[in-house]
């Protein structure tokens, strides 16, 4: 395994993602860090962008007739 960068855990268990990692994975303030434990018991992380309604629109198919206005209203109920 190649170590690209390191970071220190602060007293409140926070850390900074090193610049090399942020640049390589295009990490910004819209990025979510997902933590996993793999089958060998080792931690792994994944980076993904935050999801919002606009990102999810059209991502799912259904046989039901839908109305975008009603779907959006349902979010606020």
PDB file of N, CA and C in Angstrom:
ATOM      1  N   UNK A   1       0.842  -1.170   0.000  1.00  0.00           N
ATOM      2  CA  UNK A   1       0.000   0.000   0.000  1.00  0.00           C
ATOM      3  C   UNK A   1       0.893   1.242   0.000  1.00  0.00           C
ATOM      4  N   UNK A   2       0.562   2.177  -0.846  1.00  0.00           N
ATOM      5  CA  UNK A   2       1.306   3.424  -0.959  1.00  0.00           C
ATOM      6  C   UNK A   2       0.660   4.478  -0.065  1.00  0.00           C
ATOM      7  N   UNK A   3       1.439   5.089   0.825  1.00  0.00           N
ATOM      8  CA  UNK A   3       0.919   6.171   1.663  1.00  0.00           C
ATOM      9  C   UNK A   3       1.164   7.482   0.930  1.00  0.00           C
ATOM     10  N   UNK A   4       0.072   8.130   0.551  1.00  0.00           N
ATOM     11  CA  UNK A   4       0.151   9.381  -0.191  1.00  0.00           C
ATOM     12  C   UNK A   4       0.303  10.579   0.736  1.00  0.00           C
ATOM     13  N   UNK A   5      -0.385  10.526   1.871  1.00  0.00           N
ATOM     14  CA  UNK A   5      -0.354  11.634   2.827  1.00  0.00           C
ATOM     15  C   UNK A   5      -0.836  11.126   4.180  1.00  0.00           C
ATOM     16  N   UNK A   6      -0.608  11.912   5.204  1.00  0.00           N
ATOM     17  CA  UNK A   6      -1.085  11.573   6.545  1.00  0.00           C
ATOM     18  C   UNK A   6      -1.791  12.786   7.138  1.00  0.00           C
ATOM     19  N   UNK A   7      -2.599  12.555   8.153  1.00  0.00           N
ATOM     20  CA  UNK A   7      -3.223  13.650   8.895  1.00  0.00           C
ATOM     21  C   UNK A   7      -3.346  13.227  10.350  1.00  0.00           C
ATOM     22  N   UNK A   8      -3.419  14.205  11.208  1.00  0.00           N
ATOM     23  CA  UNK A   8      -3.480  13.960  12.648  1.00  0.00           C
ATOM     24  C   UNK A   8      -4.927  14.062  13.125  1.00  0.00           C
ATOM     25  N   UNK A   9      -5.287  13.204  14.074  1.00  0.00           N
ATOM     26  CA  UNK A   9      -6.603  13.276  14.701  1.00  0.00           C
ATOM     27  C   UNK A   9      -6.528  14.317  15.815  1.00  0.00           C
ATOM     28  N   UNK A  10      -7.432  15.286  15.794  1.00  0.00           N
ATOM     29  CA  UNK A  10      -7.461  16.335  16.795  1.00  0.00           C
ATOM     30  C   UNK A  10      -8.169  15.838  18.054  1.00  0.00           C
ATOM     31  N   UNK A  11      -8.145  16.634  19.105  1.00  0.00           N
ATOM     32  CA  UNK A  11      -8.701  16.219  20.396  1.00  0.00           C
ATOM     33  C   UNK A  11     -10.200  15.915  20.333  1.00  0.00           C
ATOM     34  N   UNK A  12     -10.920  16.518  19.401  1.00  0.00           N
ATOM     35  CA  UNK A  12     -12.356  16.247  19.264  1.00  0.00           C
ATOM     36  C   UNK A  12     -12.636  15.241  18.144  1.00  0.00           C
ATOM     37  N   UNK A  13     -11.635  14.445  17.793  1.00  0.00           N
ATOM     38  CA  UNK A  13     -11.703  13.365  16.794  1.00  0.00           C
ATOM     39  C   UNK A  13     -11.932  13.861  15.374  1.00  0.00           C
ATOM     40  N   UNK A  14     -11.607  15.090  15.085  1.00  0.00           N
ATOM     41  CA  UNK A  14     -11.685  15.614  13.730  1.00  0.00           C
ATOM     42  C   UNK A  14     -10.316  15.537  13.088  1.00  0.00           C
ATOM     43  N   UNK A  15     -10.312  15.503  11.760  1.00  0.00           N
ATOM     44  CA  UNK A  15      -9.061  15.518  11.015  1.00  0.00           C
ATOM     45  C   UNK A  15      -9.261  16.309   9.736  1.00  0.00           C
ATOM     46  N   UNK A  16      -8.185  16.704   9.114  1.00  0.00           N
ATOM     47  CA  UNK A  16      -8.228  17.395   7.834  1.00  0.00           C
ATOM     48  C   UNK A  16      -7.852  16.409   6.747  1.00  0.00           C
ATOM     49  N   UNK A  17      -8.626  16.403   5.676  1.00  0.00           N
ATOM     50  CA  UNK A  17      -8.290  15.550   4.535  1.00  0.00           C
ATOM     51  C   UNK A  17      -7.140  16.235   3.802  1.00  0.00           C
ATOM     52  N   UNK A  18      -6.013  15.558   3.642  1.00  0.00           N
ATOM     53  CA  UNK A  18      -4.843  16.181   3.027  1.00  0.00           C
ATOM     54  C   UNK A  18      -5.122  16.711   1.612  1.00  0.00           C
ATOM     55  N   UNK A  19      -4.423  17.778   1.262  1.00  0.00           N
ATOM     56  CA  UNK A  19      -4.598  18.442  -0.028  1.00  0.00           C
ATOM     57  C   UNK A  19      -4.466  17.467  -1.196  1.00  0.00           C
ATOM     58  N   UNK A  20      -3.510  16.554  -1.135  1.00  0.00           N
ATOM     59  CA  UNK A  20      -3.291  15.605  -2.227  1.00  0.00           C
ATOM     60  C   UNK A  20      -4.524  14.738  -2.466  1.00  0.00           C
ATOM     61  N   UNK A  21      -5.168  14.333  -1.374  1.00  0.00           N
ATOM     62  CA  UNK A  21      -6.376  13.506  -1.469  1.00  0.00           C
ATOM     63  C   UNK A  21      -7.541  14.356  -1.986  1.00  0.00           C
ATOM     64  N   UNK A  22      -7.718  15.564  -1.425  1.00  0.00           N
ATOM     65  CA  UNK A  22      -8.806  16.449  -1.871  1.00  0.00           C
ATOM     66  C   UNK A  22      -8.710  16.719  -3.362  1.00  0.00           C
ATOM     67  N   UNK A  23      -7.495  16.981  -3.832  1.00  0.00           N
ATOM     68  CA  UNK A  23      -7.286  17.290  -5.254  1.00  0.00           C
ATOM     69  C   UNK A  23      -7.533  16.056  -6.123  1.00  0.00           C
ATOM     70  N   UNK A  24      -7.004  14.915  -5.720  1.00  0.00           N
ATOM     71  CA  UNK A  24      -7.123  13.687  -6.503  1.00  0.00           C
ATOM     72  C   UNK A  24      -8.571  13.219  -6.638  1.00  0.00           C
ATOM     73  N   UNK A  25      -9.375  13.395  -5.573  1.00  0.00           N
ATOM     74  CA  UNK A  25     -10.759  12.922  -5.568  1.00  0.00           C
ATOM     75  C   UNK A  25     -11.775  14.060  -5.739  1.00  0.00           C
ATOM     76  N   UNK A  26     -11.296  15.257  -6.055  1.00  0.00           N
ATOM     77  CA  UNK A  26     -12.153  16.433  -6.269  1.00  0.00           C
ATOM     78  C   UNK A  26     -13.106  16.652  -5.091  1.00  0.00           C
ATOM     79  N   UNK A  27     -12.548  16.620  -3.890  1.00  0.00           N
ATOM     80  CA  UNK A  27     -13.324  16.787  -2.667  1.00  0.00           C
ATOM     81  C   UNK A  27     -13.532  18.274  -2.394  1.00  0.00           C
ATOM     82  N   UNK A  28     -14.792  18.624  -2.099  1.00  0.00           N
ATOM     83  CA  UNK A  28     -15.119  20.002  -1.728  1.00  0.00           C
ATOM     84  C   UNK A  28     -16.141  19.960  -0.600  1.00  0.00           C
ATOM     85  N   UNK A  29     -16.752  21.093  -0.287  1.00  0.00           N
ATOM     86  CA  UNK A  29     -17.689  21.114   0.845  1.00  0.00           C
ATOM     87  C   UNK A  29     -19.030  20.467   0.517  1.00  0.00           C
ATOM     88  N   UNK A  30     -19.189  19.944  -0.684  1.00  0.00           N
ATOM     89  CA  UNK A  30     -20.390  19.179  -1.063  1.00  0.00           C
ATOM     90  C   UNK A  30     -20.110  17.673  -1.041  1.00  0.00           C
ATOM     91  N   UNK A  31     -18.971  17.281  -0.506  1.00  0.00           N
ATOM     92  CA  UNK A  31     -18.575  15.878  -0.471  1.00  0.00           C
ATOM     93  C   UNK A  31     -18.940  15.242   0.860  1.00  0.00           C
ATOM     94  N   UNK A  32     -19.470  14.027   0.787  1.00  0.00           N
ATOM     95  CA  UNK A  32     -19.793  13.231   1.970  1.00  0.00           C
ATOM     96  C   UNK A  32     -18.740  12.127   2.061  1.00  0.00           C
ATOM     97  N   UNK A  33     -18.238  11.892   3.266  1.00  0.00           N
ATOM     98  CA  UNK A  33     -17.278  10.808   3.495  1.00  0.00           C
ATOM     99  C   UNK A  33     -18.050   9.631   4.093  1.00  0.00           C
ATOM    100  N   UNK A  34     -17.997   8.482   3.416  1.00  0.00           N
ATOM    101  CA  UNK A  34     -18.656   7.270   3.898  1.00  0.00           C
ATOM    102  C   UNK A  34     -17.590   6.339   4.465  1.00  0.00           C
ATOM    103  N   UNK A  35     -17.830   5.814   5.654  1.00  0.00           N
ATOM    104  CA  UNK A  35     -16.886   4.925   6.340  1.00  0.00           C
ATOM    105  C   UNK A  35     -17.426   3.509   6.319  1.00  0.00           C
ATOM    106  N   UNK A  36     -16.565   2.547   6.032  1.00  0.00           N
ATOM    107  CA  UNK A  36     -16.937   1.135   5.972  1.00  0.00           C
ATOM    108  C   UNK A  36     -15.898   0.299   6.720  1.00  0.00           C
ATOM    109  N   UNK A  37     -16.302  -0.861   7.168  1.00  0.00           N
ATOM    110  CA  UNK A  37     -15.374  -1.871   7.658  1.00  0.00           C
ATOM    111  C   UNK A  37     -15.465  -3.021   6.659  1.00  0.00           C
ATOM    112  N   UNK A  38     -14.351  -3.374   6.011  1.00  0.00           N
ATOM    113  CA  UNK A  38     -14.387  -4.432   4.998  1.00  0.00           C
ATOM    114  C   UNK A  38     -14.401  -5.811   5.644  1.00  0.00           C
ATOM    115  N   UNK A  39     -14.473  -6.851   4.815  1.00  0.00           N
ATOM    116  CA  UNK A  39     -14.594  -8.214   5.347  1.00  0.00           C
ATOM    117  C   UNK A  39     -13.366  -8.653   6.133  1.00  0.00           C
ATOM    118  N   UNK A  40     -12.236  -7.968   5.953  1.00  0.00           N
ATOM    119  CA  UNK A  40     -11.025  -8.270   6.722  1.00  0.00           C
ATOM    120  C   UNK A  40     -10.961  -7.475   8.033  1.00  0.00           C
ATOM    121  N   UNK A  41     -11.985  -6.646   8.273  1.00  0.00           N
ATOM    122  CA  UNK A  41     -12.021  -5.849   9.496  1.00  0.00           C
ATOM    123  C   UNK A  41     -11.248  -4.544   9.402  1.00  0.00           C
ATOM    124  N   UNK A  42     -10.831  -4.172   8.192  1.00  0.00           N
ATOM    125  CA  UNK A  42     -10.081  -2.933   8.006  1.00  0.00           C
ATOM    126  C   UNK A  42     -10.997  -1.799   7.564  1.00  0.00           C
ATOM    127  N   UNK A  43     -10.740  -0.584   8.047  1.00  0.00           N
ATOM    128  CA  UNK A  43     -11.584   0.543   7.638  1.00  0.00           C
ATOM    129  C   UNK A  43     -11.297   0.956   6.195  1.00  0.00           C
ATOM    130  N   UNK A  44     -12.351   1.362   5.512  1.00  0.00           N
ATOM    131  CA  UNK A  44     -12.248   1.908   4.161  1.00  0.00           C
ATOM    132  C   UNK A  44     -13.134   3.140   4.109  1.00  0.00           C
ATOM    133  N   UNK A  45     -12.802   4.062   3.228  1.00  0.00           N
ATOM    134  CA  UNK A  45     -13.633   5.248   3.056  1.00  0.00           C
ATOM    135  C   UNK A  45     -13.981   5.427   1.588  1.00  0.00           C
ATOM    136  N   UNK A  46     -15.088   6.113   1.370  1.00  0.00           N
ATOM    137  CA  UNK A  46     -15.536   6.435   0.024  1.00  0.00           C
ATOM    138  C   UNK A  46     -15.989   7.890   0.038  1.00  0.00           C
ATOM    139  N   UNK A  47     -15.753   8.597  -1.042  1.00  0.00           N
ATOM    140  CA  UNK A  47     -16.187   9.979  -1.170  1.00  0.00           C
ATOM    141  C   UNK A  47     -17.291  10.042  -2.210  1.00  0.00           C
ATOM    142  N   UNK A  48     -18.361  10.775  -1.903  1.00  0.00           N
ATOM    143  CA  UNK A  48     -19.430  11.001  -2.873  1.00  0.00           C
ATOM    144  C   UNK A  48     -19.997  12.395  -2.657  1.00  0.00           C
ATOM    145  N   UNK A  49     -20.627  12.915  -3.671  1.00  0.00           N
ATOM    146  CA  UNK A  49     -21.256  14.228  -3.565  1.00  0.00           C
ATOM    147  C   UNK A  49     -22.575  14.099  -2.820  1.00  0.00           C
ATOM    148  N   UNK A  50     -22.967  15.160  -2.108  1.00  0.00           N
ATOM    149  CA  UNK A  50     -24.251  15.179  -1.413  1.00  0.00           C
ATOM    150  C   UNK A  50     -25.359  14.990  -2.436  1.00  0.00           C
ATOM    151  N   UNK A  51     -26.414  14.306  -2.018  1.00  0.00           N
ATOM    152  CA  UNK A  51     -27.569  14.111  -2.894  1.00  0.00           C
ATOM    153  C   UNK A  51     -28.685  15.048  -2.457  1.00  0.00           C
ATOM    154  N   UNK A  52     -29.348  15.613  -3.429  1.00  0.00           N
ATOM    155  CA  UNK A  52     -30.524  16.415  -3.131  1.00  0.00           C
ATOM    156  C   UNK A  52     -31.619  16.032  -4.117  1.00  0.00           C
ATOM    157  N   UNK A  53     -32.763  16.655  -4.004  1.00  0.00           N
ATOM    158  CA  UNK A  53     -33.898  16.289  -4.849  1.00  0.00           C
ATOM    159  C   UNK A  53     -33.567  16.409  -6.331  1.00  0.00           C
ATOM    160  N   UNK A  54     -32.845  17.455  -6.719  1.00  0.00           N
ATOM    161  CA  UNK A  54     -32.497  17.634  -8.129  1.00  0.00           C
ATOM    162  C   UNK A  54     -31.627  16.487  -8.629  1.00  0.00           C
ATOM    163  N   UNK A  55     -30.711  16.003  -7.791  1.00  0.00           N
ATOM    164  CA  UNK A  55     -29.852  14.885  -8.189  1.00  0.00           C
ATOM    165  C   UNK A  55     -30.648  13.604  -8.388  1.00  0.00           C
ATOM    166  N   UNK A  56     -31.700  13.429  -7.598  1.00  0.00           N
ATOM    167  CA  UNK A  56     -32.458  12.184  -7.631  1.00  0.00           C
ATOM    168  C   UNK A  56     -33.590  12.194  -8.654  1.00  0.00           C
ATOM    169  N   UNK A  57     -33.980  13.378  -9.122  1.00  0.00           N
ATOM    170  CA  UNK A  57     -35.083  13.463 -10.079  1.00  0.00           C
ATOM    171  C   UNK A  57     -34.762  12.647 -11.323  1.00  0.00           C
ATOM    172  N   UNK A  58     -35.661  11.741 -11.670  1.00  0.00           N
ATOM    173  CA  UNK A  58     -35.476  10.901 -12.850  1.00  0.00           C
ATOM    174  C   UNK A  58     -34.617   9.676 -12.618  1.00  0.00           C
ATOM    175  N   UNK A  59     -34.129   9.486 -11.404  1.00  0.00           N
ATOM    176  CA  UNK A  59     -33.236   8.364 -11.122  1.00  0.00           C
ATOM    177  C   UNK A  59     -33.995   7.054 -10.946  1.00  0.00           C
ATOM    178  N   UNK A  60     -35.296   7.143 -10.677  1.00  0.00           N
ATOM    179  CA  UNK A  60     -36.095   5.947 -10.419  1.00  0.00           C
ATOM    180  C   UNK A  60     -37.238   5.859 -11.419  1.00  0.00           C
ATOM    181  N   UNK A  61     -37.564   4.664 -11.821  1.00  0.00           N
ATOM    182  CA  UNK A  61     -38.673   4.426 -12.747  1.00  0.00           C
ATOM    183  C   UNK A  61     -39.813   3.759 -11.983  1.00  0.00           C
ATOM    184  N   UNK A  62     -41.034   4.098 -12.369  1.00  0.00           N
ATOM    185  CA  UNK A  62     -42.212   3.485 -11.774  1.00  0.00           C
ATOM    186  C   UNK A  62     -43.289   3.355 -12.835  1.00  0.00           C
ATOM    187  N   UNK A  63     -44.168   2.407 -12.659  1.00  0.00           N
ATOM    188  CA  UNK A  63     -45.289   2.245 -13.581  1.00  0.00           C
ATOM    189  C   UNK A  63     -46.442   3.175 -13.219  1.00  0.00           C
ATOM    190  N   UNK A  64     -46.390   3.737 -12.016  1.00  0.00           N
ATOM    191  CA  UNK A  64     -47.436   4.659 -11.584  1.00  0.00           C
ATOM    192  C   UNK A  64     -47.307   5.993 -12.294  1.00  0.00           C
ATOM    193  N   UNK A  65     -48.455   6.625 -12.519  1.00  0.00           N
ATOM    194  CA  UNK A  65     -48.444   7.982 -13.059  1.00  0.00           C
ATOM    195  C   UNK A  65     -47.996   8.908 -11.940  1.00  0.00           C
ATOM    196  N   UNK A  66     -47.057   9.778 -12.220  1.00  0.00           N
ATOM    197  CA  UNK A  66     -46.565  10.694 -11.201  1.00  0.00           C
ATOM    198  C   UNK A  66     -46.662  12.126 -11.688  1.00  0.00           C
ATOM    199  N   UNK A  67     -46.684  13.024 -10.752  1.00  0.00           N
ATOM    200  CA  UNK A  67     -46.774  14.438 -11.026  1.00  0.00           C
ATOM    201  C   UNK A  67     -45.664  15.111 -10.235  1.00  0.00           C
ATOM    202  N   UNK A  68     -44.764  15.782 -10.901  1.00  0.00           N
ATOM    203  CA  UNK A  68     -43.601  16.378 -10.239  1.00  0.00           C
ATOM    204  C   UNK A  68     -44.000  17.367  -9.153  1.00  0.00           C
ATOM    205  N   UNK A  69     -45.057  18.130  -9.385  1.00  0.00           N
ATOM    206  CA  UNK A  69     -45.499  19.115  -8.397  1.00  0.00           C
ATOM    207  C   UNK A  69     -45.966  18.405  -7.133  1.00  0.00           C
ATOM    208  N   UNK A  70     -46.756  17.339  -7.286  1.00  0.00           N
ATOM    209  CA  UNK A  70     -47.239  16.588  -6.130  1.00  0.00           C
ATOM    210  C   UNK A  70     -46.091  15.905  -5.386  1.00  0.00           C
ATOM    211  N   UNK A  71     -45.127  15.369  -6.123  1.00  0.00           N
ATOM    212  CA  UNK A  71     -43.966  14.753  -5.487  1.00  0.00           C
ATOM    213  C   UNK A  71     -43.198  15.766  -4.649  1.00  0.00           C
ATOM    214  N   UNK A  72     -43.005  16.955  -5.195  1.00  0.00           N
ATOM    215  CA  UNK A  72     -42.269  17.994  -4.481  1.00  0.00           C
ATOM    216  C   UNK A  72     -43.051  18.435  -3.235  1.00  0.00           C
ATOM    217  N   UNK A  73     -44.374  18.579  -3.364  1.00  0.00           N
ATOM    218  CA  UNK A  73     -45.196  18.939  -2.207  1.00  0.00           C
ATOM    219  C   UNK A  73     -45.060  17.888  -1.106  1.00  0.00           C
ATOM    220  N   UNK A  74     -44.985  16.627  -1.500  1.00  0.00           N
ATOM    221  CA  UNK A  74     -44.844  15.539  -0.535  1.00  0.00           C
ATOM    222  C   UNK A  74     -43.582  15.639   0.294  1.00  0.00           C
ATOM    223  N   UNK A  75     -42.568  16.278  -0.246  1.00  0.00           N
ATOM    224  CA  UNK A  75     -41.313  16.443   0.502  1.00  0.00           C
ATOM    225  C   UNK A  75     -41.499  17.353   1.721  1.00  0.00           C
ATOM    226  N   UNK A  76     -42.439  18.264   1.634  1.00  0.00           N
ATOM    227  CA  UNK A  76     -42.615  19.270   2.691  1.00  0.00           C
ATOM    228  C   UNK A  76     -43.730  18.920   3.662  1.00  0.00           C
ATOM    229  N   UNK A  77     -44.380  17.788   3.477  1.00  0.00           N
ATOM    230  CA  UNK A  77     -45.457  17.384   4.387  1.00  0.00           C
ATOM    231  C   UNK A  77     -44.925  16.663   5.589  1.00  0.00           C
TER     232      UNK A  77
END
